[in-house]
């Protein structure tokens, strides 16, 4: 694979990642901009809170899919190269900074989840279990998302399970940074519970 081909694939991944499913589904469902509703965040949680569980679940599935399928393809095409982590990172960056939303976007949790379901399924399921337990226990999706994101590279390092440890660290940092407003509300006890 040439450098030009690799660049085009990574740019294509960015565009796939930037597809704003939360915006599109909300527009189709109620003809409104999700960025003017609820927390104004274009993500599955805000769609769930602003519309209902069904639409939130649809956004979650689609955002996971745009992380899952391109990375799955990359692992088949070029499994032992920089293409896989480059595609994975580009997908999440596209989601977080979508040109279709004036370079705003979601927090990258669902897309990162889709990415790592391909790269390390068992570890991802373990982190997903932690996320579910924390969400049920505290009712705080943002808190569970941040803990899940941070725990992934830690578990990967401790268990020596992941060839993509650096990618996991970068995506965890992105998720934490994108949750800065949620973390501020958590600190002041103002974060909404589900």
N, C-alpha and C. Protein backbone atom coordinates (compact mmCIF):
# COMPACT_ATOMS: atom_id res chain seq x y z
N UNK A 1 0.84 -1.19 0.00
CA UNK A 1 0.00 0.00 0.00
C UNK A 1 0.89 1.25 0.00
N UNK A 2 0.62 2.17 -0.91
CA UNK A 2 1.42 3.38 -1.02
C UNK A 2 1.02 4.39 0.06
N UNK A 3 1.89 5.38 0.26
CA UNK A 3 1.61 6.43 1.24
C UNK A 3 0.37 7.23 0.85
N UNK A 4 0.21 7.47 -0.44
CA UNK A 4 -0.97 8.21 -0.93
C UNK A 4 -2.25 7.45 -0.62
N UNK A 5 -2.23 6.14 -0.86
CA UNK A 5 -3.41 5.31 -0.57
C UNK A 5 -3.74 5.35 0.93
N UNK A 6 -2.69 5.27 1.74
CA UNK A 6 -2.89 5.28 3.18
C UNK A 6 -3.48 6.61 3.65
N UNK A 7 -3.00 7.71 3.10
CA UNK A 7 -3.52 9.03 3.45
C UNK A 7 -4.99 9.16 3.06
N UNK A 8 -5.32 8.68 1.85
CA UNK A 8 -6.70 8.75 1.38
C UNK A 8 -7.63 7.91 2.26
N UNK A 9 -7.15 6.75 2.68
CA UNK A 9 -7.96 5.88 3.56
C UNK A 9 -8.19 6.56 4.91
N UNK A 10 -7.15 7.15 5.46
CA UNK A 10 -7.27 7.83 6.76
C UNK A 10 -8.21 9.03 6.65
N UNK A 11 -8.13 9.79 5.56
CA UNK A 11 -9.05 10.90 5.35
C UNK A 11 -10.48 10.41 5.18
N UNK A 12 -10.63 9.29 4.48
CA UNK A 12 -11.95 8.68 4.33
C UNK A 12 -12.52 8.26 5.67
N UNK A 13 -11.65 7.72 6.53
CA UNK A 13 -12.08 7.32 7.87
C UNK A 13 -12.56 8.53 8.67
N UNK A 14 -11.85 9.65 8.51
CA UNK A 14 -12.26 10.88 9.21
C UNK A 14 -13.66 11.29 8.77
N UNK A 15 -13.93 11.22 7.47
CA UNK A 15 -15.25 11.60 6.96
C UNK A 15 -16.34 10.65 7.44
N UNK A 16 -16.02 9.35 7.48
CA UNK A 16 -16.99 8.38 8.01
C UNK A 16 -17.27 8.67 9.48
N UNK A 17 -16.22 8.91 10.24
CA UNK A 17 -16.37 9.21 11.66
C UNK A 17 -17.18 10.49 11.90
N UNK A 18 -17.09 11.41 10.96
CA UNK A 18 -17.75 12.72 11.15
C UNK A 18 -19.24 12.71 10.80
N UNK A 19 -19.75 11.60 10.30
CA UNK A 19 -21.20 11.53 9.99
C UNK A 19 -21.99 11.74 11.29
N UNK A 20 -22.77 12.81 11.40
CA UNK A 20 -23.45 13.14 12.67
C UNK A 20 -24.80 12.43 12.81
N UNK A 21 -24.75 11.17 13.20
CA UNK A 21 -25.99 10.39 13.27
C UNK A 21 -26.98 10.99 14.27
N UNK A 22 -26.50 11.55 15.36
CA UNK A 22 -27.41 12.14 16.35
C UNK A 22 -28.18 13.31 15.72
N UNK A 23 -27.49 14.12 14.94
CA UNK A 23 -28.12 15.25 14.26
C UNK A 23 -29.14 14.75 13.23
N UNK A 24 -28.73 13.77 12.42
CA UNK A 24 -29.59 13.27 11.35
C UNK A 24 -30.85 12.61 11.90
N UNK A 25 -30.70 11.78 12.93
CA UNK A 25 -31.84 11.07 13.49
C UNK A 25 -32.81 12.05 14.15
N UNK A 26 -32.28 13.01 14.89
CA UNK A 26 -33.14 14.00 15.54
C UNK A 26 -33.86 14.85 14.50
N UNK A 27 -33.16 15.21 13.44
CA UNK A 27 -33.77 16.01 12.37
C UNK A 27 -34.90 15.23 11.71
N UNK A 28 -34.67 13.95 11.44
CA UNK A 28 -35.69 13.11 10.81
C UNK A 28 -36.87 12.86 11.75
N UNK A 29 -36.57 12.70 13.05
CA UNK A 29 -37.62 12.33 14.00
C UNK A 29 -38.50 13.51 14.38
N UNK A 30 -37.90 14.65 14.69
CA UNK A 30 -38.69 15.78 15.20
C UNK A 30 -38.38 17.09 14.49
N UNK A 31 -37.56 17.02 13.43
CA UNK A 31 -37.18 18.20 12.65
C UNK A 31 -36.56 19.30 13.52
N UNK A 32 -35.69 18.88 14.44
CA UNK A 32 -34.97 19.83 15.29
C UNK A 32 -33.48 19.51 15.27
N UNK A 33 -32.69 20.50 15.65
CA UNK A 33 -31.24 20.34 15.76
C UNK A 33 -30.91 19.88 17.16
N UNK A 34 -30.28 18.71 17.30
CA UNK A 34 -29.96 18.16 18.62
C UNK A 34 -29.07 19.12 19.41
N UNK A 35 -28.34 19.99 18.70
CA UNK A 35 -27.44 20.94 19.38
C UNK A 35 -28.21 22.09 20.04
N UNK A 36 -29.52 22.14 19.83
CA UNK A 36 -30.35 23.15 20.50
C UNK A 36 -31.23 22.52 21.57
N UNK A 37 -31.01 21.23 21.84
CA UNK A 37 -31.86 20.50 22.78
C UNK A 37 -31.03 19.96 23.94
N UNK A 38 -31.65 19.87 25.10
CA UNK A 38 -30.99 19.27 26.25
C UNK A 38 -29.65 19.91 26.57
N UNK A 39 -28.62 19.04 26.61
CA UNK A 39 -27.26 19.52 26.92
C UNK A 39 -26.58 20.14 25.70
N UNK A 40 -27.23 20.06 24.55
CA UNK A 40 -26.71 20.55 23.26
C UNK A 40 -25.58 19.69 22.72
N UNK A 41 -25.30 18.58 23.37
CA UNK A 41 -24.24 17.68 22.92
C UNK A 41 -24.79 16.75 21.83
N UNK A 42 -24.12 16.67 20.68
CA UNK A 42 -24.59 15.78 19.61
C UNK A 42 -24.15 14.33 19.83
N UNK A 43 -24.71 13.72 20.84
CA UNK A 43 -24.35 12.34 21.16
C UNK A 43 -25.57 11.52 21.55
N UNK A 44 -25.36 10.23 21.74
CA UNK A 44 -26.47 9.31 22.03
C UNK A 44 -27.17 9.63 23.34
N UNK A 45 -26.41 10.04 24.36
CA UNK A 45 -27.02 10.33 25.66
C UNK A 45 -28.00 11.48 25.56
N UNK A 46 -27.62 12.55 24.85
CA UNK A 46 -28.51 13.69 24.72
C UNK A 46 -29.74 13.36 23.88
N UNK A 47 -29.55 12.52 22.87
CA UNK A 47 -30.71 12.08 22.07
C UNK A 47 -31.66 11.27 22.94
N UNK A 48 -31.12 10.39 23.77
CA UNK A 48 -31.93 9.59 24.69
C UNK A 48 -32.73 10.50 25.64
N UNK A 49 -32.04 11.49 26.20
CA UNK A 49 -32.71 12.38 27.15
C UNK A 49 -33.70 13.31 26.47
N UNK A 50 -33.36 13.79 25.29
CA UNK A 50 -34.19 14.78 24.60
C UNK A 50 -35.35 14.15 23.84
N UNK A 51 -35.14 12.94 23.32
CA UNK A 51 -36.21 12.25 22.57
C UNK A 51 -36.70 11.05 23.37
N UNK A 52 -36.09 9.91 23.15
CA UNK A 52 -36.45 8.73 23.95
C UNK A 52 -35.38 7.65 23.80
N UNK A 53 -35.58 6.56 24.50
CA UNK A 53 -34.59 5.48 24.55
C UNK A 53 -34.35 4.89 23.16
N UNK A 54 -35.41 4.73 22.38
CA UNK A 54 -35.30 4.11 21.06
C UNK A 54 -34.35 4.89 20.16
N UNK A 55 -34.51 6.19 20.11
CA UNK A 55 -33.64 7.01 19.26
C UNK A 55 -32.22 7.08 19.81
N UNK A 56 -32.11 7.14 21.11
CA UNK A 56 -30.78 7.13 21.73
C UNK A 56 -30.02 5.85 21.43
N UNK A 57 -30.73 4.73 21.47
CA UNK A 57 -30.13 3.43 21.17
C UNK A 57 -29.70 3.35 19.71
N UNK A 58 -30.51 3.91 18.83
CA UNK A 58 -30.18 3.92 17.40
C UNK A 58 -28.90 4.71 17.14
N UNK A 59 -28.77 5.87 17.79
CA UNK A 59 -27.55 6.68 17.64
C UNK A 59 -26.36 5.94 18.20
N UNK A 60 -26.53 5.32 19.36
CA UNK A 60 -25.45 4.54 19.97
C UNK A 60 -24.96 3.45 19.03
N UNK A 61 -25.89 2.71 18.45
CA UNK A 61 -25.53 1.61 17.54
C UNK A 61 -24.82 2.14 16.29
N UNK A 62 -25.32 3.22 15.72
CA UNK A 62 -24.71 3.77 14.51
C UNK A 62 -23.33 4.36 14.78
N UNK A 63 -23.18 5.04 15.92
CA UNK A 63 -21.87 5.60 16.26
C UNK A 63 -20.86 4.50 16.55
N UNK A 64 -21.31 3.42 17.18
CA UNK A 64 -20.42 2.27 17.38
C UNK A 64 -20.05 1.64 16.04
N UNK A 65 -21.02 1.53 15.15
CA UNK A 65 -20.80 0.90 13.85
C UNK A 65 -19.77 1.63 13.01
N UNK A 66 -19.78 2.97 13.08
CA UNK A 66 -18.81 3.71 12.27
C UNK A 66 -17.40 3.60 12.84
N UNK A 67 -17.27 3.10 14.07
CA UNK A 67 -15.96 2.75 14.59
C UNK A 67 -15.61 1.31 14.29
N UNK A 68 -16.61 0.43 14.35
CA UNK A 68 -16.39 -1.01 14.23
C UNK A 68 -16.03 -1.44 12.82
N UNK A 69 -16.86 -1.12 11.84
CA UNK A 69 -16.69 -1.68 10.50
C UNK A 69 -15.46 -1.18 9.75
N UNK A 70 -15.16 0.13 9.78
CA UNK A 70 -13.92 0.56 9.11
C UNK A 70 -12.66 -0.05 9.73
N UNK A 71 -12.63 -0.18 11.05
CA UNK A 71 -11.45 -0.78 11.70
C UNK A 71 -11.38 -2.28 11.38
N UNK A 72 -12.52 -2.94 11.35
CA UNK A 72 -12.55 -4.35 10.96
C UNK A 72 -11.98 -4.51 9.56
N UNK A 73 -12.39 -3.63 8.65
CA UNK A 73 -11.88 -3.66 7.28
C UNK A 73 -10.37 -3.44 7.27
N UNK A 74 -9.90 -2.45 8.04
CA UNK A 74 -8.46 -2.14 8.07
C UNK A 74 -7.64 -3.31 8.59
N UNK A 75 -8.18 -4.05 9.56
CA UNK A 75 -7.44 -5.21 10.09
C UNK A 75 -7.33 -6.33 9.06
N UNK A 76 -8.29 -6.40 8.15
CA UNK A 76 -8.24 -7.43 7.09
C UNK A 76 -7.29 -7.01 5.97
N UNK A 77 -7.29 -5.72 5.65
CA UNK A 77 -6.48 -5.21 4.55
C UNK A 77 -5.01 -5.13 4.93
N UNK A 78 -4.74 -4.62 6.13
CA UNK A 78 -3.35 -4.39 6.54
C UNK A 78 -3.22 -4.57 8.04
N UNK A 79 -3.24 -5.82 8.52
CA UNK A 79 -3.32 -6.09 9.96
C UNK A 79 -2.09 -5.68 10.77
N UNK A 80 -0.92 -5.69 10.19
CA UNK A 80 0.30 -5.42 10.95
C UNK A 80 0.99 -4.13 10.53
N UNK A 81 0.21 -3.08 10.36
CA UNK A 81 0.79 -1.81 9.94
C UNK A 81 0.19 -0.67 10.76
N UNK A 82 0.65 0.53 10.47
CA UNK A 82 0.12 1.71 11.15
C UNK A 82 -1.27 2.08 10.67
N UNK A 83 -1.74 1.42 9.61
CA UNK A 83 -3.05 1.76 9.05
C UNK A 83 -4.16 1.59 10.08
N UNK A 84 -4.12 0.50 10.83
CA UNK A 84 -5.21 0.20 11.77
C UNK A 84 -5.35 1.29 12.83
N UNK A 85 -4.29 1.60 13.60
CA UNK A 85 -4.46 2.68 14.60
C UNK A 85 -4.72 4.04 13.97
N UNK A 86 -4.18 4.29 12.76
CA UNK A 86 -4.42 5.56 12.09
C UNK A 86 -5.89 5.70 11.71
N UNK A 87 -6.47 4.64 11.18
CA UNK A 87 -7.90 4.65 10.83
C UNK A 87 -8.74 4.81 12.10
N UNK A 88 -8.39 4.08 13.14
CA UNK A 88 -9.14 4.13 14.40
C UNK A 88 -9.15 5.55 14.97
N UNK A 89 -7.98 6.15 15.06
CA UNK A 89 -7.88 7.51 15.61
C UNK A 89 -8.61 8.51 14.73
N UNK A 90 -8.50 8.37 13.42
CA UNK A 90 -9.15 9.28 12.49
C UNK A 90 -10.68 9.20 12.61
N UNK A 91 -11.21 8.00 12.80
CA UNK A 91 -12.65 7.82 12.99
C UNK A 91 -13.15 8.59 14.21
N UNK A 92 -12.42 8.45 15.32
CA UNK A 92 -12.85 9.11 16.57
C UNK A 92 -12.68 10.62 16.46
N UNK A 93 -11.59 11.07 15.85
CA UNK A 93 -11.40 12.51 15.66
C UNK A 93 -12.51 13.09 14.77
N UNK A 94 -12.91 12.33 13.74
CA UNK A 94 -14.01 12.77 12.89
C UNK A 94 -15.30 12.92 13.68
N UNK A 95 -15.55 11.96 14.57
CA UNK A 95 -16.76 12.02 15.40
C UNK A 95 -16.70 13.21 16.36
N UNK A 96 -15.54 13.42 16.97
CA UNK A 96 -15.39 14.48 17.97
C UNK A 96 -15.39 15.88 17.37
N UNK A 97 -14.89 15.99 16.13
CA UNK A 97 -14.75 17.31 15.50
C UNK A 97 -15.29 17.26 14.07
N UNK A 98 -16.59 17.02 13.98
CA UNK A 98 -17.23 16.83 12.67
C UNK A 98 -17.31 18.13 11.87
N UNK A 99 -16.78 18.13 10.64
CA UNK A 99 -16.93 19.33 9.80
C UNK A 99 -18.38 19.62 9.45
N UNK A 100 -19.24 18.60 9.55
CA UNK A 100 -20.66 18.80 9.27
C UNK A 100 -21.36 19.55 10.41
N UNK A 101 -20.70 19.62 11.58
CA UNK A 101 -21.26 20.33 12.73
C UNK A 101 -20.34 21.48 13.15
N UNK A 102 -19.67 22.07 12.14
CA UNK A 102 -18.72 23.17 12.38
C UNK A 102 -17.62 22.75 13.36
N UNK A 103 -17.14 21.56 13.16
CA UNK A 103 -16.04 20.97 13.92
C UNK A 103 -16.35 20.80 15.40
N UNK A 104 -17.64 20.64 15.67
CA UNK A 104 -18.07 20.19 16.99
C UNK A 104 -18.46 18.72 16.85
N UNK A 105 -18.76 18.07 17.94
CA UNK A 105 -19.15 16.68 17.83
C UNK A 105 -19.43 16.05 19.17
N UNK A 106 -19.59 14.74 19.15
CA UNK A 106 -19.84 14.00 20.38
C UNK A 106 -18.57 13.81 21.19
N UNK A 107 -18.64 12.92 22.14
CA UNK A 107 -17.52 12.72 23.06
C UNK A 107 -16.66 11.50 22.70
N UNK A 108 -17.05 10.77 21.67
CA UNK A 108 -16.21 9.70 21.15
C UNK A 108 -16.31 8.37 21.86
N UNK A 109 -17.21 8.25 22.82
CA UNK A 109 -17.29 7.01 23.61
C UNK A 109 -17.78 5.84 22.77
N UNK A 110 -18.92 6.03 22.10
CA UNK A 110 -19.50 4.93 21.32
C UNK A 110 -18.59 4.54 20.15
N UNK A 111 -18.01 5.52 19.47
CA UNK A 111 -17.13 5.22 18.34
C UNK A 111 -15.87 4.50 18.81
N UNK A 112 -15.32 4.93 19.94
CA UNK A 112 -14.15 4.25 20.53
C UNK A 112 -14.51 2.82 20.93
N UNK A 113 -15.71 2.66 21.45
CA UNK A 113 -16.17 1.32 21.83
C UNK A 113 -16.22 0.41 20.61
N UNK A 114 -16.74 0.93 19.50
CA UNK A 114 -16.78 0.15 18.26
C UNK A 114 -15.39 -0.22 17.78
N UNK A 115 -14.45 0.73 17.88
CA UNK A 115 -13.06 0.49 17.49
C UNK A 115 -12.46 -0.66 18.29
N UNK A 116 -12.61 -0.61 19.61
CA UNK A 116 -11.94 -1.59 20.46
C UNK A 116 -12.66 -2.93 20.55
N UNK A 117 -13.93 -2.95 20.14
CA UNK A 117 -14.59 -4.25 20.01
C UNK A 117 -13.90 -5.10 18.95
N UNK A 118 -13.31 -4.45 17.95
CA UNK A 118 -12.54 -5.15 16.93
C UNK A 118 -11.15 -5.49 17.44
N UNK A 119 -10.47 -4.51 18.05
CA UNK A 119 -9.06 -4.66 18.39
C UNK A 119 -8.81 -5.56 19.59
N UNK A 120 -9.72 -5.51 20.57
CA UNK A 120 -9.58 -6.37 21.74
C UNK A 120 -10.95 -6.60 22.36
N UNK A 121 -11.65 -7.57 21.82
CA UNK A 121 -13.05 -7.80 22.19
C UNK A 121 -13.23 -8.09 23.67
N UNK A 122 -12.43 -8.98 24.24
CA UNK A 122 -12.63 -9.40 25.63
C UNK A 122 -12.38 -8.25 26.60
N UNK A 123 -11.32 -7.50 26.38
CA UNK A 123 -11.03 -6.37 27.25
C UNK A 123 -12.11 -5.30 27.12
N UNK A 124 -12.61 -5.09 25.91
CA UNK A 124 -13.68 -4.11 25.69
C UNK A 124 -14.95 -4.52 26.42
N UNK A 125 -15.27 -5.80 26.38
CA UNK A 125 -16.46 -6.29 27.10
C UNK A 125 -16.30 -6.13 28.61
N UNK A 126 -15.09 -6.31 29.11
CA UNK A 126 -14.82 -6.11 30.54
C UNK A 126 -15.06 -4.64 30.91
N UNK A 127 -14.52 -3.73 30.10
CA UNK A 127 -14.71 -2.29 30.35
C UNK A 127 -16.18 -1.91 30.21
N UNK A 128 -16.86 -2.50 29.24
CA UNK A 128 -18.29 -2.24 29.05
C UNK A 128 -19.09 -2.69 30.28
N UNK A 129 -18.70 -3.81 30.85
CA UNK A 129 -19.36 -4.30 32.08
C UNK A 129 -19.17 -3.30 33.22
N UNK A 130 -17.95 -2.78 33.35
CA UNK A 130 -17.68 -1.76 34.38
C UNK A 130 -18.55 -0.53 34.14
N UNK A 131 -18.64 -0.10 32.88
CA UNK A 131 -19.48 1.05 32.53
C UNK A 131 -20.93 0.81 32.94
N UNK A 132 -21.46 -0.36 32.63
CA UNK A 132 -22.87 -0.67 32.95
C UNK A 132 -23.09 -0.68 34.46
N UNK A 133 -22.19 -1.31 35.19
CA UNK A 133 -22.31 -1.38 36.66
C UNK A 133 -22.28 0.02 37.27
N UNK A 134 -21.35 0.85 36.81
CA UNK A 134 -21.24 2.22 37.34
C UNK A 134 -22.46 3.06 36.98
N UNK A 135 -22.96 2.89 35.76
CA UNK A 135 -24.13 3.65 35.33
C UNK A 135 -25.35 3.27 36.16
N UNK A 136 -25.54 1.98 36.38
CA UNK A 136 -26.67 1.51 37.19
C UNK A 136 -26.52 1.96 38.64
N UNK A 137 -25.29 1.90 39.15
CA UNK A 137 -25.04 2.24 40.56
C UNK A 137 -25.21 3.72 40.86
N UNK A 138 -24.70 4.57 39.96
CA UNK A 138 -24.69 6.00 40.23
C UNK A 138 -25.62 6.82 39.33
N UNK A 139 -26.06 6.23 38.22
CA UNK A 139 -26.94 6.95 37.31
C UNK A 139 -26.25 8.07 36.56
N UNK A 140 -24.91 8.01 36.49
CA UNK A 140 -24.13 9.07 35.84
C UNK A 140 -23.37 8.49 34.65
N UNK A 141 -23.90 8.71 33.45
CA UNK A 141 -23.27 8.16 32.25
C UNK A 141 -21.89 8.78 32.02
N UNK A 142 -21.77 10.07 32.27
CA UNK A 142 -20.48 10.75 32.05
C UNK A 142 -19.39 10.18 32.96
N UNK A 143 -19.73 9.96 34.22
CA UNK A 143 -18.77 9.39 35.18
C UNK A 143 -18.36 7.99 34.75
N UNK A 144 -19.35 7.18 34.38
CA UNK A 144 -19.07 5.81 33.94
C UNK A 144 -18.23 5.80 32.66
N UNK A 145 -18.50 6.75 31.76
CA UNK A 145 -17.74 6.83 30.50
C UNK A 145 -16.28 7.17 30.75
N UNK A 146 -16.03 8.14 31.62
CA UNK A 146 -14.66 8.55 31.91
C UNK A 146 -13.89 7.44 32.61
N UNK A 147 -14.51 6.80 33.60
CA UNK A 147 -13.85 5.70 34.31
C UNK A 147 -13.57 4.54 33.35
N UNK A 148 -14.54 4.23 32.50
CA UNK A 148 -14.35 3.16 31.52
C UNK A 148 -13.21 3.47 30.56
N UNK A 149 -13.17 4.71 30.09
CA UNK A 149 -12.12 5.11 29.14
C UNK A 149 -10.74 5.03 29.77
N UNK A 150 -10.62 5.51 30.99
CA UNK A 150 -9.32 5.50 31.68
C UNK A 150 -8.90 4.09 32.07
N UNK A 151 -9.88 3.26 32.42
CA UNK A 151 -9.55 1.90 32.86
C UNK A 151 -9.05 1.01 31.72
N UNK A 152 -9.47 1.35 30.49
CA UNK A 152 -9.08 0.49 29.36
C UNK A 152 -7.57 0.38 29.19
N UNK A 153 -6.83 1.48 29.03
CA UNK A 153 -5.38 1.34 28.88
C UNK A 153 -4.70 0.79 30.13
N UNK A 154 -5.28 1.07 31.30
CA UNK A 154 -4.70 0.53 32.54
C UNK A 154 -4.81 -0.99 32.56
N UNK A 155 -6.00 -1.50 32.26
CA UNK A 155 -6.18 -2.96 32.21
C UNK A 155 -5.32 -3.58 31.11
N UNK A 156 -5.26 -2.90 29.98
CA UNK A 156 -4.47 -3.41 28.86
C UNK A 156 -3.00 -3.55 29.26
N UNK A 157 -2.50 -2.58 30.01
CA UNK A 157 -1.10 -2.62 30.45
C UNK A 157 -0.89 -3.70 31.51
N UNK A 158 -1.75 -3.73 32.50
CA UNK A 158 -1.61 -4.69 33.61
C UNK A 158 -1.73 -6.13 33.12
N UNK A 159 -2.72 -6.37 32.26
CA UNK A 159 -2.97 -7.72 31.78
C UNK A 159 -2.13 -8.10 30.56
N UNK A 160 -1.37 -7.12 30.05
CA UNK A 160 -0.53 -7.34 28.87
C UNK A 160 -1.34 -7.94 27.72
N UNK A 161 -2.50 -7.33 27.49
CA UNK A 161 -3.44 -7.88 26.53
C UNK A 161 -3.53 -7.11 25.21
N UNK A 162 -2.94 -5.92 25.14
CA UNK A 162 -3.29 -5.07 24.00
C UNK A 162 -2.06 -4.58 23.25
N UNK A 163 -2.07 -4.82 21.94
CA UNK A 163 -1.03 -4.28 21.07
C UNK A 163 -1.26 -2.80 20.76
N UNK A 164 -2.43 -2.30 21.13
CA UNK A 164 -2.79 -0.93 20.80
C UNK A 164 -2.87 -0.06 22.05
N UNK A 165 -1.93 -0.25 22.97
CA UNK A 165 -1.94 0.46 24.25
C UNK A 165 -1.85 1.97 24.05
N UNK A 166 -1.01 2.41 23.10
CA UNK A 166 -0.86 3.86 22.89
C UNK A 166 -2.12 4.47 22.29
N UNK A 167 -2.76 3.74 21.40
CA UNK A 167 -4.04 4.19 20.86
C UNK A 167 -5.07 4.31 21.98
N UNK A 168 -5.08 3.33 22.87
CA UNK A 168 -6.03 3.34 24.00
C UNK A 168 -5.79 4.56 24.89
N UNK A 169 -4.53 4.91 25.11
CA UNK A 169 -4.21 6.08 25.93
C UNK A 169 -4.70 7.36 25.26
N UNK A 170 -4.42 7.48 23.96
CA UNK A 170 -4.83 8.69 23.23
C UNK A 170 -6.35 8.84 23.23
N UNK A 171 -7.07 7.75 22.96
CA UNK A 171 -8.53 7.82 22.93
C UNK A 171 -9.10 8.11 24.32
N UNK A 172 -8.47 7.55 25.37
CA UNK A 172 -8.91 7.84 26.74
C UNK A 172 -8.74 9.31 27.06
N UNK A 173 -7.60 9.89 26.66
CA UNK A 173 -7.36 11.32 26.89
C UNK A 173 -8.40 12.16 26.15
N UNK A 174 -8.69 11.79 24.90
CA UNK A 174 -9.70 12.52 24.12
C UNK A 174 -11.06 12.48 24.82
N UNK A 175 -11.44 11.31 25.32
CA UNK A 175 -12.74 11.16 25.99
C UNK A 175 -12.79 12.00 27.25
N UNK A 176 -11.72 11.99 28.03
CA UNK A 176 -11.68 12.79 29.26
C UNK A 176 -11.77 14.28 28.92
N UNK A 177 -11.00 14.72 27.93
CA UNK A 177 -11.02 16.14 27.54
C UNK A 177 -12.41 16.55 27.05
N UNK A 178 -13.04 15.71 26.26
CA UNK A 178 -14.38 16.03 25.74
C UNK A 178 -15.44 16.05 26.85
N UNK A 179 -15.12 15.42 27.99
CA UNK A 179 -16.05 15.41 29.12
C UNK A 179 -15.74 16.51 30.14
N UNK A 180 -14.93 17.50 29.75
CA UNK A 180 -14.50 18.50 30.73
C UNK A 180 -15.68 19.24 31.38
N UNK A 181 -16.71 19.57 30.59
CA UNK A 181 -17.86 20.27 31.17
C UNK A 181 -18.64 19.35 32.11
N UNK A 182 -18.74 18.07 31.75
CA UNK A 182 -19.41 17.10 32.63
C UNK A 182 -18.65 16.93 33.94
N UNK A 183 -17.31 16.87 33.83
CA UNK A 183 -16.49 16.70 35.03
C UNK A 183 -16.63 17.92 35.95
N UNK A 184 -16.76 19.09 35.34
CA UNK A 184 -16.96 20.30 36.15
C UNK A 184 -18.30 20.24 36.88
N UNK A 185 -19.33 19.79 36.17
CA UNK A 185 -20.65 19.66 36.81
C UNK A 185 -20.64 18.57 37.88
N UNK A 186 -19.91 17.49 37.62
CA UNK A 186 -19.78 16.43 38.62
C UNK A 186 -19.14 16.97 39.89
N UNK A 187 -18.10 17.76 39.73
CA UNK A 187 -17.37 18.33 40.86
C UNK A 187 -18.28 19.21 41.72
N UNK A 188 -19.20 19.92 41.05
CA UNK A 188 -20.11 20.81 41.77
C UNK A 188 -21.45 20.13 42.11
N UNK A 189 -21.55 18.84 41.80
CA UNK A 189 -22.76 18.09 42.12
C UNK A 189 -23.96 18.47 41.30
N UNK A 190 -23.73 18.95 40.07
CA UNK A 190 -24.83 19.41 39.22
C UNK A 190 -25.05 18.54 37.99
N UNK A 191 -24.32 17.46 37.87
CA UNK A 191 -24.46 16.59 36.69
C UNK A 191 -25.78 15.83 36.76
N UNK A 192 -26.48 15.78 35.63
CA UNK A 192 -27.78 15.10 35.59
C UNK A 192 -27.61 13.59 35.64
N UNK A 193 -28.49 12.95 36.37
CA UNK A 193 -28.52 11.48 36.43
C UNK A 193 -29.58 10.95 35.48
N UNK A 194 -29.41 9.69 35.08
CA UNK A 194 -30.44 9.09 34.23
C UNK A 194 -31.49 8.45 35.11
